Amino acid sequence: MVLPPVLMAMGLFDFVVVGLVLFFAIYAAWVGRIGIEANKRLGVALRKSPNLMLFGLCYGLFCMAAVPLLILSGVAGPRTLPAAFILQLTAMGLMVYCLWYASRQLTALRMGAQPEANDIKTVLVWMWLFPIGVWFLQPIVREALGRRLAD
């Protein structure tokens, strides 16, 4: 098998970074789609703006790609470590919000009312555990959003 020259020049670290960015992009698309579709199907009183969730997903994807690129380019060092730490901490906080938003909207759609924190926690944990959580959340998503969207 002959690999393209670009792939032959990449090292193992490059493949890992590209793999993580692709994994996170799939994860962000999954969480975003659930949150947006559930929000669309809710009544006006239960809807919330998805703008912060979308910003959080885009910001997280940016950080997943930018920090390894800074490391690879040699820009990252002791002087830039605090800035990178703040970027990553902000991305983590926004990701928690994104998971909470999607979980809350999906739970609100299932219940037909404003969910309490206790009602959201199971869906939130399964979303957090993305690859494994998909199997446990699939029946919930299928029930709430319909079979066409879940497949």
C-alpha atoms as a PDB file:
ATOM      1  CA  MET A   1       0.000   0.000   0.000  1.00  0.00           C
ATOM      2  CA  VAL A   2       1.407   3.368  -1.003  1.00  0.00           C
ATOM      3  CA  LEU A   3       0.614   6.312   1.248  1.00  0.00           C
ATOM      4  CA  PRO A   4       0.377   9.875  -0.004  1.00  0.00           C
ATOM      5  CA  PRO A   5       3.517  11.945   0.719  1.00  0.00           C
ATOM      6  CA  VAL A   6       1.651  14.074   3.267  1.00  0.00           C
ATOM      7  CA  LEU A   7       0.761  11.012   5.330  1.00  0.00           C
ATOM      8  CA  MET A   8       4.264   9.587   5.013  1.00  0.00           C
ATOM      9  CA  ALA A   9       5.731  12.810   6.430  1.00  0.00           C
ATOM     10  CA  MET A  10       3.416  12.763   9.443  1.00  0.00           C
ATOM     11  CA  GLY A  11       4.688  11.303  12.669  1.00  0.00           C
ATOM     12  CA  LEU A  12       2.747   9.317  15.242  1.00  0.00           C
ATOM     13  CA  PHE A  13       2.002  12.452  17.282  1.00  0.00           C
ATOM     14  CA  ASP A  14       0.464  14.083  14.201  1.00  0.00           C
ATOM     15  CA  PHE A  15      -1.801  11.083  13.631  1.00  0.00           C
ATOM     16  CA  VAL A  16      -2.895  11.143  17.268  1.00  0.00           C
ATOM     17  CA  VAL A  17      -3.683  14.867  17.090  1.00  0.00           C
ATOM     18  CA  VAL A  18      -5.655  14.476  13.854  1.00  0.00           C
ATOM     19  CA  GLY A  19      -7.502  11.499  15.340  1.00  0.00           C
ATOM     20  CA  LEU A  20      -8.418  13.410  18.493  1.00  0.00           C
ATOM     21  CA  VAL A  21      -9.640  16.415  16.534  1.00  0.00           C
ATOM     22  CA  LEU A  22     -11.792  14.168  14.307  1.00  0.00           C
ATOM     23  CA  PHE A  23     -13.133  12.323  17.357  1.00  0.00           C
ATOM     24  CA  PHE A  24     -14.046  15.601  19.035  1.00  0.00           C
ATOM     25  CA  ALA A  25     -15.649  16.917  15.832  1.00  0.00           C
ATOM     26  CA  ILE A  26     -17.901  13.840  15.692  1.00  0.00           C
ATOM     27  CA  TYR A  27     -18.683  14.218  19.390  1.00  0.00           C
ATOM     28  CA  ALA A  28     -19.493  17.927  19.008  1.00  0.00           C
ATOM     29  CA  ALA A  29     -21.731  17.233  16.005  1.00  0.00           C
ATOM     30  CA  TRP A  30     -23.604  14.532  17.963  1.00  0.00           C
ATOM     31  CA  VAL A  31     -24.161  16.691  21.052  1.00  0.00           C
ATOM     32  CA  GLY A  32     -25.034  19.749  18.970  1.00  0.00           C
ATOM     33  CA  ARG A  33     -27.526  17.881  16.814  1.00  0.00           C
ATOM     34  CA  ILE A  34     -29.313  16.406  19.825  1.00  0.00           C
ATOM     35  CA  GLY A  35     -29.469  19.782  21.563  1.00  0.00           C
ATOM     36  CA  ILE A  36     -30.671  21.721  18.525  1.00  0.00           C
ATOM     37  CA  GLU A  37     -33.255  19.157  17.393  1.00  0.00           C
ATOM     38  CA  ALA A  38     -34.684  18.763  20.897  1.00  0.00           C
ATOM     39  CA  ASN A  39     -34.827  22.543  21.261  1.00  0.00           C
ATOM     40  CA  LYS A  40     -36.695  22.906  17.936  1.00  0.00           C
ATOM     41  CA  ARG A  41     -39.364  20.442  19.020  1.00  0.00           C
ATOM     42  CA  LEU A  42     -39.985  22.019  22.428  1.00  0.00           C
ATOM     43  CA  GLY A  43     -42.736  24.481  23.133  1.00  0.00           C
ATOM     44  CA  VAL A  44     -41.862  28.178  23.165  1.00  0.00           C
ATOM     45  CA  ALA A  45     -41.876  28.331  26.973  1.00  0.00           C
ATOM     46  CA  LEU A  46     -39.197  25.616  27.275  1.00  0.00           C
ATOM     47  CA  ARG A  47     -36.906  26.713  24.444  1.00  0.00           C
ATOM     48  CA  LYS A  48     -33.499  28.192  25.136  1.00  0.00           C
ATOM     49  CA  SER A  49     -31.151  29.841  22.689  1.00  0.00           C
ATOM     50  CA  PRO A  50     -28.569  27.357  21.351  1.00  0.00           C
ATOM     51  CA  ASN A  51     -26.031  30.108  20.589  1.00  0.00           C
ATOM     52  CA  LEU A  52     -23.848  29.561  23.663  1.00  0.00           C
ATOM     53  CA  MET A  53     -23.857  25.802  23.073  1.00  0.00           C
ATOM     54  CA  LEU A  54     -22.786  26.276  19.458  1.00  0.00           C
ATOM     55  CA  PHE A  55     -20.095  28.740  20.510  1.00  0.00           C
ATOM     56  CA  GLY A  56     -18.853  26.254  23.140  1.00  0.00           C
ATOM     57  CA  LEU A  57     -18.640  23.427  20.625  1.00  0.00           C
ATOM     58  CA  CYS A  58     -16.770  25.587  18.101  1.00  0.00           C
ATOM     59  CA  TYR A  59     -14.459  26.954  20.795  1.00  0.00           C
ATOM     60  CA  GLY A  60     -13.712  23.434  22.048  1.00  0.00           C
ATOM     61  CA  LEU A  61     -12.895  22.289  18.521  1.00  0.00           C
ATOM     62  CA  PHE A  62     -10.645  25.321  18.058  1.00  0.00           C
ATOM     63  CA  CYS A  63      -8.762  24.520  21.287  1.00  0.00           C
ATOM     64  CA  MET A  64      -8.453  20.843  20.354  1.00  0.00           C
ATOM     65  CA  ALA A  65      -6.727  21.884  17.126  1.00  0.00           C
ATOM     66  CA  ALA A  66      -4.843  25.018  18.252  1.00  0.00           C
ATOM     67  CA  VAL A  67      -3.008  23.766  21.342  1.00  0.00           C
ATOM     68  CA  PRO A  68      -1.340  20.773  19.592  1.00  0.00           C
ATOM     69  CA  LEU A  69      -0.436  23.057  16.669  1.00  0.00           C
ATOM     70  CA  LEU A  70       1.213  25.485  19.089  1.00  0.00           C
ATOM     71  CA  ILE A  71       3.165  22.598  20.607  1.00  0.00           C
ATOM     72  CA  LEU A  72       4.220  21.278  17.189  1.00  0.00           C
ATOM     73  CA  SER A  73       5.276  24.701  15.932  1.00  0.00           C
ATOM     74  CA  GLY A  74       7.471  25.298  18.969  1.00  0.00           C
ATOM     75  CA  VAL A  75       5.541  28.386  20.069  1.00  0.00           C
ATOM     76  CA  ALA A  76       4.308  26.717  23.250  1.00  0.00           C
ATOM     77  CA  GLY A  77       6.662  27.007  26.160  1.00  0.00           C
ATOM     78  CA  PRO A  78       6.883  28.211  29.741  1.00  0.00           C
ATOM     79  CA  ARG A  79       5.715  31.703  28.780  1.00  0.00           C
ATOM     80  CA  THR A  80       2.608  30.492  26.940  1.00  0.00           C
ATOM     81  CA  LEU A  81       1.617  27.776  29.410  1.00  0.00           C
ATOM     82  CA  PRO A  82      -0.724  29.993  31.501  1.00  0.00           C
ATOM     83  CA  ALA A  83      -2.567  31.156  28.378  1.00  0.00           C
ATOM     84  CA  ALA A  84      -2.944  27.600  27.096  1.00  0.00           C
ATOM     85  CA  PHE A  85      -4.185  26.513  30.534  1.00  0.00           C
ATOM     86  CA  ILE A  86      -6.823  29.267  30.559  1.00  0.00           C
ATOM     87  CA  LEU A  87      -7.918  28.367  27.000  1.00  0.00           C
ATOM     88  CA  GLN A  88      -8.297  24.708  27.910  1.00  0.00           C
ATOM     89  CA  LEU A  89     -10.063  25.435  31.205  1.00  0.00           C
ATOM     90  CA  THR A  90     -12.532  27.703  29.412  1.00  0.00           C
ATOM     91  CA  ALA A  91     -13.100  25.024  26.761  1.00  0.00           C
ATOM     92  CA  MET A  92     -13.800  22.439  29.464  1.00  0.00           C
ATOM     93  CA  GLY A  93     -16.310  24.726  31.167  1.00  0.00           C
ATOM     94  CA  LEU A  94     -18.068  25.415  27.879  1.00  0.00           C
ATOM     95  CA  MET A  95     -18.167  21.689  27.090  1.00  0.00           C
ATOM     96  CA  VAL A  96     -19.881  20.995  30.406  1.00  0.00           C
ATOM     97  CA  TYR A  97     -22.437  23.673  29.493  1.00  0.00           C
ATOM     98  CA  CYS A  98     -22.944  22.091  26.051  1.00  0.00           C
ATOM     99  CA  LEU A  99     -23.572  18.694  27.608  1.00  0.00           C
ATOM    100  CA  TRP A 100     -25.923  20.218  30.167  1.00  0.00           C
ATOM    101  CA  TYR A 101     -27.822  22.116  27.445  1.00  0.00           C
ATOM    102  CA  ALA A 102     -28.316  19.072  25.212  1.00  0.00           C
ATOM    103  CA  SER A 103     -29.238  16.888  28.196  1.00  0.00           C
ATOM    104  CA  ARG A 104     -31.658  19.465  29.522  1.00  0.00           C
ATOM    105  CA  GLN A 105     -33.402  19.972  26.189  1.00  0.00           C
ATOM    106  CA  LEU A 106     -33.661  16.228  25.517  1.00  0.00           C
ATOM    107  CA  THR A 107     -35.034  15.596  29.008  1.00  0.00           C
ATOM    108  CA  ALA A 108     -37.478  18.509  28.704  1.00  0.00           C
ATOM    109  CA  LEU A 109     -38.730  17.075  25.417  1.00  0.00           C
ATOM    110  CA  ARG A 110     -39.250  13.647  26.996  1.00  0.00           C
ATOM    111  CA  MET A 111     -40.980  15.026  30.110  1.00  0.00           C
ATOM    112  CA  GLY A 112     -42.888  17.835  28.443  1.00  0.00           C
ATOM    113  CA  ALA A 113     -42.004  20.138  31.347  1.00  0.00           C
ATOM    114  CA  GLN A 114     -39.077  22.004  32.873  1.00  0.00           C
ATOM    115  CA  PRO A 115     -36.686  19.284  34.134  1.00  0.00           C
ATOM    116  CA  GLU A 116     -35.000  19.413  37.517  1.00  0.00           C
ATOM    117  CA  ALA A 117     -31.265  18.796  37.929  1.00  0.00           C
ATOM    118  CA  ASN A 118     -31.980  15.304  39.227  1.00  0.00           C
ATOM    119  CA  ASP A 119     -33.871  14.433  36.025  1.00  0.00           C
ATOM    120  CA  ILE A 120     -31.007  15.538  33.766  1.00  0.00           C
ATOM    121  CA  LYS A 121     -28.124  13.717  35.444  1.00  0.00           C
ATOM    122  CA  THR A 122     -28.530  10.297  33.787  1.00  0.00           C
ATOM    123  CA  VAL A 123     -28.628  11.711  30.269  1.00  0.00           C
ATOM    124  CA  LEU A 124     -25.736  14.046  31.101  1.00  0.00           C
ATOM    125  CA  VAL A 125     -23.532  11.172  32.306  1.00  0.00           C
ATOM    126  CA  TRP A 126     -24.274   9.086  29.214  1.00  0.00           C
ATOM    127  CA  MET A 127     -23.467  12.035  26.967  1.00  0.00           C
ATOM    128  CA  TRP A 128     -20.243  12.591  28.886  1.00  0.00           C
ATOM    129  CA  LEU A 129     -19.233   8.967  28.263  1.00  0.00           C
ATOM    130  CA  PHE A 130     -19.668   9.473  24.525  1.00  0.00           C
ATOM    131  CA  PRO A 131     -18.629   6.275  22.783  1.00  0.00           C
ATOM    132  CA  ILE A 132     -20.210   3.989  25.361  1.00  0.00           C
ATOM    133  CA  GLY A 133     -23.093   6.320  26.194  1.00  0.00           C
ATOM    134  CA  VAL A 134     -24.405   6.195  22.629  1.00  0.00           C
ATOM    135  CA  TRP A 135     -25.731   2.669  23.171  1.00  0.00           C
ATOM    136  CA  PHE A 136     -27.577   3.701  26.313  1.00  0.00           C
ATOM    137  CA  LEU A 137     -28.863   6.990  24.894  1.00  0.00           C
ATOM    138  CA  GLN A 138     -29.966   5.634  21.527  1.00  0.00           C
ATOM    139  CA  PRO A 139     -33.366   4.396  22.795  1.00  0.00           C
ATOM    140  CA  ILE A 140     -33.950   7.717  24.576  1.00  0.00           C
ATOM    141  CA  VAL A 141     -33.015   9.746  21.496  1.00  0.00           C
ATOM    142  CA  ARG A 142     -35.094   7.474  19.271  1.00  0.00           C
ATOM    143  CA  GLU A 143     -38.114   7.843  21.554  1.00  0.00           C
ATOM    144  CA  ALA A 144     -37.834  11.624  21.926  1.00  0.00           C
ATOM    145  CA  LEU A 145     -36.630  12.731  18.512  1.00  0.00           C
ATOM    146  CA  GLY A 146     -37.992   9.998  16.317  1.00  0.00           C
ATOM    147  CA  ARG A 147     -36.479   7.089  14.509  1.00  0.00           C
ATOM    148  CA  ARG A 148     -35.490   9.057  11.376  1.00  0.00           C
ATOM    149  CA  LEU A 149     -33.138  11.388  13.262  1.00  0.00           C
ATOM    150  CA  ALA A 150     -31.690   8.687  15.544  1.00  0.00           C
ATOM    151  CA  ASP A 151     -30.576   6.448  12.647  1.00  0.00           C
END
